[in-house]
Amino acid sequence: MQFNKPLLHQALLAHLREELNHTLLAAETAREGATHEEALAKSKYDTHGLELSYLAGSQFERARLLQSQVALLSRTSFRDFAQDEPIDLGALVEVRGAQAKTGHYLISLVGAGISVPLDGTLIQVISPDSLLGEELMNRRAGDRVEVVERPGLVWDIISVF
């Protein structure tokens, strides 16, 4: 099986842009709530408006982070890897674990934790600093990895794309 990595790149970018739009909408809604006349403190114990302003600030900070991730991902691409090539950033790795369970992982600095469907397969984006990501880096198809922090968690690397 071969994967269309430019399509995967576009899907991940679209997911991040959608998340950015939702975050900006939530931030704006919280800011409007914080400045609404009903949010004005009626006593020194009434902190509703203050809480909404903190929420808005956090949402805007999250939006700034997402904007930088979108910008970074827009300037990068995921190249194809040869089967004998060591795993590095941008590699799409197929692994098989216990009970012949198969997983597909994209190693990326952007989008860790996001799952993206591609060609009927769910691709999980992981960071090279994650437990599995650390173990996969610089390995090759045919290698076996074990996550040291999670005894018994063993994966066989089937393919690298």
Protein backbone atom coordinates (compact mmCIF):
# COMPACT_ATOMS: atom_id res chain seq x y z
CA MET A 1 0.00 0.00 0.00
CA GLN A 2 1.21 3.50 -0.82
CA PHE A 3 -0.12 6.69 0.80
CA ASN A 4 -0.69 10.08 -0.78
CA LYS A 5 1.39 12.22 1.58
CA PRO A 6 0.52 15.55 -0.09
CA LEU A 7 -3.14 14.69 0.56
CA LEU A 8 -2.27 13.81 4.18
CA HIS A 9 -0.48 17.16 4.50
CA GLN A 10 -3.55 19.00 3.15
CA ALA A 11 -5.90 17.10 5.50
CA LEU A 12 -3.76 17.91 8.55
CA LEU A 13 -3.52 21.55 7.52
CA ALA A 14 -7.31 21.72 7.02
CA HIS A 15 -7.84 20.18 10.47
CA LEU A 16 -5.56 22.76 12.12
CA ARG A 17 -7.24 25.64 10.27
CA GLU A 18 -10.67 24.43 11.38
CA GLU A 19 -9.44 24.17 14.97
CA LEU A 20 -8.02 27.70 14.68
CA ASN A 21 -11.38 29.04 13.44
CA HIS A 22 -13.25 27.35 16.32
CA THR A 23 -10.75 28.69 18.85
CA LEU A 24 -11.00 32.24 17.51
CA LEU A 25 -14.80 32.05 17.65
CA ALA A 26 -14.68 30.79 21.26
CA ALA A 27 -12.22 33.55 22.22
CA GLU A 28 -14.36 36.25 20.66
CA THR A 29 -17.47 34.87 22.36
CA ALA A 30 -15.71 34.88 25.76
CA ARG A 31 -14.45 38.43 25.17
CA GLU A 32 -17.94 39.63 24.30
CA GLY A 33 -19.28 37.94 27.42
CA ALA A 34 -16.60 39.52 29.60
CA THR A 35 -17.47 43.03 28.39
CA HIS A 36 -21.25 42.54 28.38
CA GLU A 37 -23.18 44.68 30.86
CA GLU A 38 -24.52 41.58 32.62
CA ALA A 39 -20.95 40.53 33.38
CA LEU A 40 -20.28 43.65 35.45
CA ALA A 41 -19.54 42.74 39.04
CA LYS A 42 -22.46 43.37 41.34
CA SER A 43 -20.35 42.74 44.44
CA LYS A 44 -16.72 42.12 45.27
CA TYR A 45 -17.45 38.37 45.16
CA ASP A 46 -18.93 38.43 41.66
CA THR A 47 -16.09 37.29 39.38
CA HIS A 48 -18.06 36.16 36.33
CA GLY A 49 -16.70 38.92 34.07
CA LEU A 50 -13.15 38.40 35.30
CA GLU A 51 -13.38 34.66 34.66
CA LEU A 52 -14.64 35.27 31.13
CA SER A 53 -11.77 37.67 30.45
CA TYR A 54 -9.25 35.05 31.61
CA LEU A 55 -10.96 32.49 29.38
CA ALA A 56 -10.81 34.86 26.41
CA GLY A 57 -7.13 35.51 27.02
CA SER A 58 -6.40 31.79 27.14
CA GLN A 59 -8.39 31.17 23.97
CA PHE A 60 -6.56 33.95 22.12
CA GLU A 61 -3.23 32.51 23.30
CA ARG A 62 -4.30 29.08 21.99
CA ALA A 63 -5.24 30.73 18.69
CA ARG A 64 -1.77 32.33 18.42
CA LEU A 65 -0.20 28.91 18.94
CA LEU A 66 -2.44 27.38 16.27
CA GLN A 67 -1.60 30.22 13.87
CA SER A 68 2.11 29.50 14.27
CA GLN A 69 1.49 25.77 13.74
CA VAL A 70 -0.51 26.47 10.57
CA ALA A 71 2.27 28.76 9.31
CA LEU A 72 4.95 26.15 10.06
CA LEU A 73 3.01 23.32 8.46
CA SER A 74 2.26 25.49 5.41
CA ARG A 75 6.00 25.88 4.80
CA THR A 76 6.83 22.18 5.15
CA SER A 77 5.91 18.98 3.35
CA PHE A 78 6.07 15.27 4.10
CA ARG A 79 8.51 13.53 1.77
CA ASP A 80 8.35 9.86 0.88
CA PHE A 81 10.73 7.46 2.64
CA ALA A 82 12.41 4.36 1.21
CA GLN A 83 11.73 1.13 3.15
CA ASP A 84 15.39 0.83 4.20
CA GLU A 85 15.66 4.48 5.24
CA PRO A 86 15.76 5.42 8.94
CA ILE A 87 12.58 6.95 10.36
CA ASP A 88 12.71 10.72 10.74
CA LEU A 89 10.33 13.70 10.81
CA GLY A 90 7.63 13.36 8.17
CA ALA A 91 7.75 9.57 8.10
CA LEU A 92 4.49 7.67 8.02
CA VAL A 93 5.08 4.45 9.94
CA GLU A 94 2.96 1.30 9.93
CA VAL A 95 3.41 -0.79 13.06
CA ARG A 96 1.86 -4.00 14.35
CA GLY A 97 1.47 -4.72 18.02
CA ALA A 98 -0.27 -7.22 20.27
CA GLN A 99 -3.10 -9.28 18.78
CA ALA A 100 -1.88 -8.22 15.30
CA LYS A 101 -3.29 -4.71 15.89
CA THR A 102 -1.98 -2.36 13.20
CA GLY A 103 -1.40 1.37 13.65
CA HIS A 104 -0.30 4.13 11.31
CA TYR A 105 1.66 7.06 12.76
CA LEU A 106 2.92 10.26 11.17
CA ILE A 107 5.89 11.74 13.00
CA SER A 108 5.55 15.52 12.98
CA LEU A 109 6.46 18.56 15.04
CA VAL A 110 2.97 19.93 14.32
CA GLY A 111 -0.38 18.32 15.03
CA ALA A 112 0.51 15.70 17.64
CA GLY A 113 -2.63 14.05 18.96
CA ILE A 114 -4.65 14.63 15.80
CA SER A 115 -6.07 11.69 13.85
CA VAL A 116 -6.57 12.15 10.11
CA PRO A 117 -8.35 9.68 7.80
CA LEU A 118 -6.44 8.95 4.59
CA ASP A 119 -7.29 6.38 1.93
CA GLY A 120 -9.54 4.52 4.39
CA THR A 121 -6.83 4.41 7.08
CA LEU A 122 -6.76 6.46 10.27
CA ILE A 123 -3.38 8.19 10.64
CA GLN A 124 -2.40 9.29 14.16
CA VAL A 125 0.01 12.23 14.30
CA ILE A 126 2.66 11.83 17.01
CA SER A 127 5.54 13.98 18.15
CA PRO A 128 9.11 12.71 17.94
CA ASP A 129 9.23 13.46 21.69
CA SER A 130 6.30 11.15 22.53
CA LEU A 131 6.99 7.74 24.04
CA LEU A 132 6.37 5.91 20.76
CA GLY A 133 7.88 8.69 18.64
CA GLU A 134 11.18 8.52 20.53
CA GLU A 135 11.35 4.77 20.04
CA LEU A 136 10.57 4.98 16.31
CA MET A 137 13.09 7.70 15.44
CA ASN A 138 16.09 6.35 13.48
CA ARG A 139 14.62 2.83 13.32
CA ARG A 140 13.83 1.02 10.08
CA ALA A 141 11.15 -1.27 8.66
CA GLY A 142 11.63 -4.72 10.20
CA ASP A 143 12.83 -3.39 13.56
CA ARG A 144 11.01 -4.09 16.80
CA VAL A 145 10.49 -1.30 19.34
CA GLU A 146 9.48 -1.48 22.97
CA VAL A 147 8.31 1.53 24.91
CA VAL A 148 10.50 1.32 28.02
CA GLU A 149 8.11 3.37 30.16
CA ARG A 150 5.27 0.95 29.31
CA PRO A 151 6.50 -2.63 29.79
CA GLY A 152 4.89 -5.04 27.38
CA LEU A 153 4.16 -2.38 24.79
CA VAL A 154 6.01 -3.82 21.80
CA TRP A 155 5.58 -2.83 18.16
CA ASP A 156 7.01 -4.32 14.97
CA ILE A 157 7.72 -1.75 12.28
CA ILE A 158 6.04 -3.09 9.14
CA SER A 159 6.52 -0.24 6.65
CA VAL A 160 7.87 3.27 6.38
CA PHE A 161 6.35 5.67 3.84
